[in-house]
PDB file of N, CA and C in Angstrom:
ATOM      1  N   UNK A   1       0.843  -1.186   0.000  1.00  0.00           N
ATOM      2  CA  UNK A   1       0.000   0.000   0.000  1.00  0.00           C
ATOM      3  C   UNK A   1       0.885   1.244   0.000  1.00  0.00           C
ATOM      4  N   UNK A   2       0.604   2.180  -0.867  1.00  0.00           N
ATOM      5  CA  UNK A   2       1.409   3.392  -0.946  1.00  0.00           C
ATOM      6  C   UNK A   2       0.862   4.468  -0.031  1.00  0.00           C
ATOM      7  N   UNK A   3       1.758   5.311   0.419  1.00  0.00           N
ATOM      8  CA  UNK A   3       1.353   6.431   1.261  1.00  0.00           C
ATOM      9  C   UNK A   3       0.713   7.503   0.393  1.00  0.00           C
ATOM     10  N   UNK A   4      -0.206   8.244   0.972  1.00  0.00           N
ATOM     11  CA  UNK A   4      -0.850   9.308   0.215  1.00  0.00           C
ATOM     12  C   UNK A   4       0.160  10.406  -0.088  1.00  0.00           C
ATOM     13  N   UNK A   5      -0.129  11.177  -1.105  1.00  0.00           N
ATOM     14  CA  UNK A   5       0.736  12.291  -1.467  1.00  0.00           C
ATOM     15  C   UNK A   5       0.836  13.276  -0.311  1.00  0.00           C
ATOM     16  N   UNK A   6      -0.265  13.516   0.387  1.00  0.00           N
ATOM     17  CA  UNK A   6      -0.248  14.449   1.519  1.00  0.00           C
ATOM     18  C   UNK A   6       0.737  13.989   2.587  1.00  0.00           C
ATOM     19  N   UNK A   7       0.776  12.688   2.863  1.00  0.00           N
ATOM     20  CA  UNK A   7       1.711  12.149   3.854  1.00  0.00           C
ATOM     21  C   UNK A   7       3.140  12.314   3.356  1.00  0.00           C
ATOM     22  N   UNK A   8       3.378  12.002   2.098  1.00  0.00           N
ATOM     23  CA  UNK A   8       4.722  12.108   1.532  1.00  0.00           C
ATOM     24  C   UNK A   8       5.226  13.541   1.566  1.00  0.00           C
ATOM     25  N   UNK A   9       4.379  14.490   1.199  1.00  0.00           N
ATOM     26  CA  UNK A   9       4.777  15.901   1.200  1.00  0.00           C
ATOM     27  C   UNK A   9       5.043  16.366   2.629  1.00  0.00           C
ATOM     28  N   UNK A  10       4.177  15.999   3.567  1.00  0.00           N
ATOM     29  CA  UNK A  10       4.385  16.371   4.970  1.00  0.00           C
ATOM     30  C   UNK A  10       5.711  15.812   5.476  1.00  0.00           C
ATOM     31  N   UNK A  11       6.028  14.584   5.127  1.00  0.00           N
ATOM     32  CA  UNK A  11       7.286  13.978   5.563  1.00  0.00           C
ATOM     33  C   UNK A  11       8.481  14.702   4.949  1.00  0.00           C
ATOM     34  N   UNK A  12       8.373  15.074   3.680  1.00  0.00           N
ATOM     35  CA  UNK A  12       9.477  15.790   3.024  1.00  0.00           C
ATOM     36  C   UNK A  12       9.709  17.150   3.668  1.00  0.00           C
ATOM     37  N   UNK A  13       8.627  17.858   3.951  1.00  0.00           N
ATOM     38  CA  UNK A  13       8.761  19.176   4.585  1.00  0.00           C
ATOM     39  C   UNK A  13       9.386  19.023   5.963  1.00  0.00           C
ATOM     40  N   UNK A  14       8.916  18.075   6.732  1.00  0.00           N
ATOM     41  CA  UNK A  14       9.469  17.862   8.070  1.00  0.00           C
ATOM     42  C   UNK A  14      10.939  17.432   8.003  1.00  0.00           C
ATOM     43  N   UNK A  15      11.287  16.648   6.985  1.00  0.00           N
ATOM     44  CA  UNK A  15      12.691  16.222   6.812  1.00  0.00           C
ATOM     45  C   UNK A  15      13.579  17.437   6.546  1.00  0.00           C
ATOM     46  N   UNK A  16      13.112  18.349   5.698  1.00  0.00           N
ATOM     47  CA  UNK A  16      13.891  19.554   5.423  1.00  0.00           C
ATOM     48  C   UNK A  16      14.044  20.379   6.700  1.00  0.00           C
ATOM     49  N   UNK A  17      12.952  20.543   7.439  1.00  0.00           N
ATOM     50  CA  UNK A  17      13.020  21.295   8.690  1.00  0.00           C
ATOM     51  C   UNK A  17      14.026  20.656   9.646  1.00  0.00           C
ATOM     52  N   UNK A  18      13.938  19.346   9.825  1.00  0.00           N
ATOM     53  CA  UNK A  18      14.838  18.640  10.739  1.00  0.00           C
ATOM     54  C   UNK A  18      16.292  18.772  10.292  1.00  0.00           C
ATOM     55  N   UNK A  19      16.536  18.584   9.003  1.00  0.00           N
ATOM     56  CA  UNK A  19      17.889  18.658   8.466  1.00  0.00           C
ATOM     57  C   UNK A  19      18.507  20.034   8.712  1.00  0.00           C
ATOM     58  N   UNK A  20      17.693  21.055   8.615  1.00  0.00           N
ATOM     59  CA  UNK A  20      18.191  22.426   8.775  1.00  0.00           C
ATOM     60  C   UNK A  20      18.070  22.950  10.202  1.00  0.00           C
ATOM     61  N   UNK A  21      17.565  22.122  11.102  1.00  0.00           N
ATOM     62  CA  UNK A  21      17.429  22.546  12.483  1.00  0.00           C
ATOM     63  C   UNK A  21      16.337  23.589  12.691  1.00  0.00           C
ATOM     64  N   UNK A  22      15.315  23.549  11.840  1.00  0.00           N
ATOM     65  CA  UNK A  22      14.210  24.498  11.919  1.00  0.00           C
ATOM     66  C   UNK A  22      12.989  23.829  12.530  1.00  0.00           C
ATOM     67  N   UNK A  23      12.069  24.637  13.010  1.00  0.00           N
ATOM     68  CA  UNK A  23      10.862  24.110  13.643  1.00  0.00           C
ATOM     69  C   UNK A  23       9.621  24.482  12.835  1.00  0.00           C
ATOM     70  N   UNK A  24       8.529  23.811  13.158  1.00  0.00           N
ATOM     71  CA  UNK A  24       7.247  24.147  12.543  1.00  0.00           C
ATOM     72  C   UNK A  24       6.848  25.566  12.953  1.00  0.00           C
ATOM     73  N   UNK A  25       7.206  25.962  14.166  1.00  0.00           N
ATOM     74  CA  UNK A  25       6.921  27.319  14.627  1.00  0.00           C
ATOM     75  C   UNK A  25       7.638  28.341  13.751  1.00  0.00           C
ATOM     76  N   UNK A  26       8.914  28.057  13.434  1.00  0.00           N
ATOM     77  CA  UNK A  26       9.672  28.936  12.544  1.00  0.00           C
ATOM     78  C   UNK A  26       8.985  29.023  11.188  1.00  0.00           C
ATOM     79  N   UNK A  27       8.571  27.870  10.669  1.00  0.00           N
ATOM     80  CA  UNK A  27       7.921  27.828   9.357  1.00  0.00           C
ATOM     81  C   UNK A  27       6.622  28.621   9.360  1.00  0.00           C
ATOM     82  N   UNK A  28       5.878  28.529  10.441  1.00  0.00           N
ATOM     83  CA  UNK A  28       4.636  29.305  10.551  1.00  0.00           C
ATOM     84  C   UNK A  28       4.938  30.797  10.491  1.00  0.00           C
ATOM     85  N   UNK A  29       5.957  31.238  11.224  1.00  0.00           N
ATOM     86  CA  UNK A  29       6.344  32.655  11.187  1.00  0.00           C
ATOM     87  C   UNK A  29       6.830  33.067   9.799  1.00  0.00           C
ATOM     88  N   UNK A  30       7.622  32.209   9.172  1.00  0.00           N
ATOM     89  CA  UNK A  30       8.214  32.533   7.875  1.00  0.00           C
ATOM     90  C   UNK A  30       7.193  32.573   6.747  1.00  0.00           C
ATOM     91  N   UNK A  31       6.115  31.808   6.886  1.00  0.00           N
ATOM     92  CA  UNK A  31       5.125  31.713   5.806  1.00  0.00           C
ATOM     93  C   UNK A  31       3.866  32.528   6.063  1.00  0.00           C
ATOM     94  N   UNK A  32       3.606  32.856   7.321  1.00  0.00           N
ATOM     95  CA  UNK A  32       2.355  33.528   7.656  1.00  0.00           C
ATOM     96  C   UNK A  32       1.180  32.568   7.785  1.00  0.00           C
ATOM     97  N   UNK A  33       1.458  31.272   7.721  1.00  0.00           N
ATOM     98  CA  UNK A  33       0.414  30.261   7.918  1.00  0.00           C
ATOM     99  C   UNK A  33       0.275  30.059   9.426  1.00  0.00           C
ATOM    100  N   UNK A  34      -0.950  30.062   9.915  1.00  0.00           N
ATOM    101  CA  UNK A  34      -1.172  29.877  11.353  1.00  0.00           C
ATOM    102  C   UNK A  34      -0.563  28.557  11.801  1.00  0.00           C
ATOM    103  N   UNK A  35       0.039  28.569  12.995  1.00  0.00           N
ATOM    104  CA  UNK A  35       0.706  27.378  13.523  1.00  0.00           C
ATOM    105  C   UNK A  35      -0.255  26.193  13.603  1.00  0.00           C
ATOM    106  N   UNK A  36      -1.461  26.426  14.075  1.00  0.00           N
ATOM    107  CA  UNK A  36      -2.436  25.336  14.184  1.00  0.00           C
ATOM    108  C   UNK A  36      -2.731  24.717  12.812  1.00  0.00           C
ATOM    109  N   UNK A  37      -2.907  25.567  11.813  1.00  0.00           N
ATOM    110  CA  UNK A  37      -3.159  25.086  10.446  1.00  0.00           C
ATOM    111  C   UNK A  37      -1.967  24.301   9.932  1.00  0.00           C
ATOM    112  N   UNK A  38      -0.781  24.840  10.118  1.00  0.00           N
ATOM    113  CA  UNK A  38       0.425  24.186   9.628  1.00  0.00           C
ATOM    114  C   UNK A  38       0.639  22.842  10.322  1.00  0.00           C
ATOM    115  N   UNK A  39       0.369  22.787  11.598  1.00  0.00           N
ATOM    116  CA  UNK A  39       0.498  21.529  12.338  1.00  0.00           C
ATOM    117  C   UNK A  39      -0.442  20.469  11.770  1.00  0.00           C
ATOM    118  N   UNK A  40      -1.672  20.866  11.437  1.00  0.00           N
ATOM    119  CA  UNK A  40      -2.619  19.912  10.829  1.00  0.00           C
ATOM    120  C   UNK A  40      -2.144  19.489   9.444  1.00  0.00           C
ATOM    121  N   UNK A  41      -1.610  20.427   8.688  1.00  0.00           N
ATOM    122  CA  UNK A  41      -1.147  20.112   7.334  1.00  0.00           C
ATOM    123  C   UNK A  41       0.058  19.174   7.345  1.00  0.00           C
ATOM    124  N   UNK A  42       0.879  19.254   8.403  1.00  0.00           N
ATOM    125  CA  UNK A  42       2.111  18.473   8.452  1.00  0.00           C
ATOM    126  C   UNK A  42       2.036  17.276   9.389  1.00  0.00           C
ATOM    127  N   UNK A  43       0.832  16.897   9.784  1.00  0.00           N
ATOM    128  CA  UNK A  43       0.660  15.699  10.611  1.00  0.00           C
ATOM    129  C   UNK A  43       1.226  14.518   9.836  1.00  0.00           C
ATOM    130  N   UNK A  44       1.987  13.663  10.493  1.00  0.00           N
ATOM    131  CA  UNK A  44       2.711  12.617   9.759  1.00  0.00           C
ATOM    132  C   UNK A  44       1.895  11.384   9.398  1.00  0.00           C
ATOM    133  N   UNK A  45       0.735  11.180  10.011  1.00  0.00           N
ATOM    134  CA  UNK A  45      -0.046  10.005   9.640  1.00  0.00           C
ATOM    135  C   UNK A  45      -1.354  10.354   8.947  1.00  0.00           C
ATOM    136  N   UNK A  46      -1.951  11.483   9.317  1.00  0.00           N
ATOM    137  CA  UNK A  46      -3.205  11.880   8.682  1.00  0.00           C
ATOM    138  C   UNK A  46      -3.221  13.392   8.432  1.00  0.00           C
ATOM    139  N   UNK A  47      -2.338  13.862   7.544  1.00  0.00           N
ATOM    140  CA  UNK A  47      -2.291  15.300   7.308  1.00  0.00           C
ATOM    141  C   UNK A  47      -3.463  15.772   6.457  1.00  0.00           C
ATOM    142  N   UNK A  48      -3.873  17.001   6.712  1.00  0.00           N
ATOM    143  CA  UNK A  48      -4.804  17.673   5.803  1.00  0.00           C
ATOM    144  C   UNK A  48      -3.939  18.165   4.649  1.00  0.00           C
ATOM    145  N   UNK A  49      -4.392  18.037   3.448  1.00  0.00           N
ATOM    146  CA  UNK A  49      -3.599  18.443   2.302  1.00  0.00           C
ATOM    147  C   UNK A  49      -3.315  19.937   2.298  1.00  0.00           C
ATOM    148  N   UNK A  50      -2.163  20.291   1.757  1.00  0.00           N
ATOM    149  CA  UNK A  50      -1.786  21.684   1.600  1.00  0.00           C
ATOM    150  C   UNK A  50      -2.490  22.294   0.403  1.00  0.00           C
ATOM    151  N   UNK A  51      -2.768  23.577   0.480  1.00  0.00           N
ATOM    152  CA  UNK A  51      -3.247  24.283  -0.708  1.00  0.00           C
ATOM    153  C   UNK A  51      -2.027  24.629  -1.558  1.00  0.00           C
ATOM    154  N   UNK A  52      -2.261  24.998  -2.792  1.00  0.00           N
ATOM    155  CA  UNK A  52      -1.164  25.391  -3.677  1.00  0.00           C
ATOM    156  C   UNK A  52      -0.455  26.618  -3.110  1.00  0.00           C
ATOM    157  N   UNK A  53      -1.217  27.572  -2.601  1.00  0.00           N
ATOM    158  CA  UNK A  53      -0.617  28.769  -2.014  1.00  0.00           C
ATOM    159  C   UNK A  53       0.252  28.421  -0.809  1.00  0.00           C
ATOM    160  N   UNK A  54      -0.224  27.507   0.035  1.00  0.00           N
ATOM    161  CA  UNK A  54       0.559  27.093   1.201  1.00  0.00           C
ATOM    162  C   UNK A  54       1.838  26.382   0.769  1.00  0.00           C
ATOM    163  N   UNK A  55       1.738  25.497  -0.215  1.00  0.00           N
ATOM    164  CA  UNK A  55       2.908  24.786  -0.714  1.00  0.00           C
ATOM    165  C   UNK A  55       3.934  25.773  -1.257  1.00  0.00           C
ATOM    166  N   UNK A  56       3.471  26.758  -2.021  1.00  0.00           N
ATOM    167  CA  UNK A  56       4.384  27.764  -2.568  1.00  0.00           C
ATOM    168  C   UNK A  56       5.028  28.592  -1.472  1.00  0.00           C
ATOM    169  N   UNK A  57       4.265  28.957  -0.450  1.00  0.00           N
ATOM    170  CA  UNK A  57       4.814  29.733   0.665  1.00  0.00           C
ATOM    171  C   UNK A  57       5.867  28.926   1.422  1.00  0.00           C
ATOM    172  N   UNK A  58       5.596  27.657   1.653  1.00  0.00           N
ATOM    173  CA  UNK A  58       6.536  26.788   2.362  1.00  0.00           C
ATOM    174  C   UNK A  58       7.799  26.601   1.530  1.00  0.00           C
ATOM    175  N   UNK A  59       7.636  26.333   0.256  1.00  0.00           N
ATOM    176  CA  UNK A  59       8.795  26.164  -0.623  1.00  0.00           C
ATOM    177  C   UNK A  59       9.638  27.437  -0.642  1.00  0.00           C
ATOM    178  N   UNK A  60       8.982  28.593  -0.706  1.00  0.00           N
ATOM    179  CA  UNK A  60       9.710  29.857  -0.696  1.00  0.00           C
ATOM    180  C   UNK A  60      10.481  30.058   0.598  1.00  0.00           C
ATOM    181  N   UNK A  61       9.844  29.760   1.732  1.00  0.00           N
ATOM    182  CA  UNK A  61      10.505  29.922   3.028  1.00  0.00           C
ATOM    183  C   UNK A  61      11.697  28.973   3.162  1.00  0.00           C
ATOM    184  N   UNK A  62      11.581  27.786   2.580  1.00  0.00           N
ATOM    185  CA  UNK A  62      12.653  26.785   2.657  1.00  0.00           C
ATOM    186  C   UNK A  62      13.656  26.927   1.523  1.00  0.00           C
ATOM    187  N   UNK A  63      13.379  27.839   0.599  1.00  0.00           N
ATOM    188  CA  UNK A  63      14.246  28.090  -0.555  1.00  0.00           C
ATOM    189  C   UNK A  63      14.465  26.836  -1.398  1.00  0.00           C
ATOM    190  N   UNK A  64      13.356  26.144  -1.678  1.00  0.00           N
ATOM    191  CA  UNK A  64      13.380  24.997  -2.586  1.00  0.00           C
ATOM    192  C   UNK A  64      12.240  25.166  -3.589  1.00  0.00           C
ATOM    193  N   UNK A  65      12.341  24.508  -4.711  1.00  0.00           N
ATOM    194  CA  UNK A  65      11.255  24.527  -5.684  1.00  0.00           C
ATOM    195  C   UNK A  65      10.093  23.703  -5.147  1.00  0.00           C
ATOM    196  N   UNK A  66       8.856  24.139  -5.381  1.00  0.00           N
ATOM    197  CA  UNK A  66       7.703  23.365  -4.910  1.00  0.00           C
ATOM    198  C   UNK A  66       7.743  21.912  -5.379  1.00  0.00           C
ATOM    199  N   UNK A  67       8.233  21.677  -6.581  1.00  0.00           N
ATOM    200  CA  UNK A  67       8.308  20.324  -7.113  1.00  0.00           C
ATOM    201  C   UNK A  67       9.181  19.406  -6.282  1.00  0.00           C
ATOM    202  N   UNK A  68      10.187  19.958  -5.628  1.00  0.00           N
ATOM    203  CA  UNK A  68      11.054  19.152  -4.762  1.00  0.00           C
ATOM    204  C   UNK A  68      10.249  18.566  -3.613  1.00  0.00           C
ATOM    205  N   UNK A  69       9.285  19.332  -3.121  1.00  0.00           N
ATOM    206  CA  UNK A  69       8.458  18.855  -2.012  1.00  0.00           C
ATOM    207  C   UNK A  69       7.378  17.885  -2.482  1.00  0.00           C
ATOM    208  N   UNK A  70       7.035  17.949  -3.755  1.00  0.00           N
ATOM    209  CA  UNK A  70       5.990  17.085  -4.299  1.00  0.00           C
ATOM    210  C   UNK A  70       6.505  15.732  -4.780  1.00  0.00           C
ATOM    211  N   UNK A  71       7.756  15.673  -5.193  1.00  0.00           N
ATOM    212  CA  UNK A  71       8.296  14.461  -5.797  1.00  0.00           C
ATOM    213  C   UNK A  71       9.329  13.811  -4.888  1.00  0.00           C
ATOM    214  N   UNK A  72       9.594  12.537  -5.163  1.00  0.00           N
ATOM    215  CA  UNK A  72      10.563  11.787  -4.373  1.00  0.00           C
ATOM    216  C   UNK A  72      11.859  12.560  -4.251  1.00  0.00           C
ATOM    217  N   UNK A  73      12.464  12.488  -3.070  1.00  0.00           N
ATOM    218  CA  UNK A  73      13.676  13.236  -2.765  1.00  0.00           C
ATOM    219  C   UNK A  73      14.772  12.922  -3.774  1.00  0.00           C
ATOM    220  N   UNK A  74      15.255  13.981  -4.400  1.00  0.00           N
ATOM    221  CA  UNK A  74      16.339  13.840  -5.363  1.00  0.00           C
ATOM    222  C   UNK A  74      17.549  14.610  -4.872  1.00  0.00           C
ATOM    223  N   UNK A  75      17.628  14.818  -3.565  1.00  0.00           N
ATOM    224  CA  UNK A  75      18.759  15.522  -2.998  1.00  0.00           C
ATOM    225  C   UNK A  75      18.505  17.000  -2.789  1.00  0.00           C
ATOM    226  N   UNK A  76      17.612  17.603  -3.546  1.00  0.00           N
ATOM    227  CA  UNK A  76      17.397  19.035  -3.468  1.00  0.00           C
ATOM    228  C   UNK A  76      16.659  19.481  -2.223  1.00  0.00           C
ATOM    229  N   UNK A  77      15.795  18.628  -1.674  1.00  0.00           N
ATOM    230  CA  UNK A  77      14.998  19.033  -0.525  1.00  0.00           C
ATOM    231  C   UNK A  77      15.819  19.160   0.739  1.00  0.00           C
ATOM    232  N   UNK A  78      16.953  18.475   0.805  1.00  0.00           N
ATOM    233  CA  UNK A  78      17.739  18.541   2.024  1.00  0.00           C
ATOM    234  C   UNK A  78      18.955  19.433   1.859  1.00  0.00           C
ATOM    235  N   UNK A  79      19.161  19.948   0.658  1.00  0.00           N
ATOM    236  CA  UNK A  79      20.311  20.825   0.441  1.00  0.00           C
ATOM    237  C   UNK A  79      20.130  22.123   1.203  1.00  0.00           C
ATOM    238  N   UNK A  80      21.187  22.580   1.778  1.00  0.00           N
ATOM    239  CA  UNK A  80      21.126  23.842   2.521  1.00  0.00           C
ATOM    240  C   UNK A  80      20.988  24.989   1.550  1.00  0.00           C
ATOM    241  N   UNK A  81      20.341  26.031   1.983  1.00  0.00           N
ATOM    242  CA  UNK A  81      20.207  27.227   1.164  1.00  0.00           C
ATOM    243  C   UNK A  81      21.575  27.847   0.975  1.00  0.00           C
ATOM    244  N   UNK A  82      21.839  28.279  -0.242  1.00  0.00           N
ATOM    245  CA  UNK A  82      23.124  28.909  -0.503  1.00  0.00           C
ATOM    246  C   UNK A  82      22.911  30.216  -1.200  1.00  0.00           C
TER     247      UNK A  82
END
C-alpha cells in the first residue's frame, strides 16, 4: 500500500526542517500560515492536504522549488540554502 501524497509531502517538509534545524513554529512565522493550520497540514499520519498557495509559501521559506516537495527526494529538498 502506498502512502498518500499528503503524507509524503508532509514527511518531506518535516525532513527539510529537521535537516536544517528548523521548527514548525519557525515555518509558521516565515510563511504567515497559522501554527495550528500548519500543524494539521504536516501531521505525519493523517495530514490535511496543503493548498497550492501554502505549498508555494513553504517552498519559498525553505528556498526549494515546490516540485522538490511534491516528488521523491532527489537531494534538493535537504540541500542547505546557498
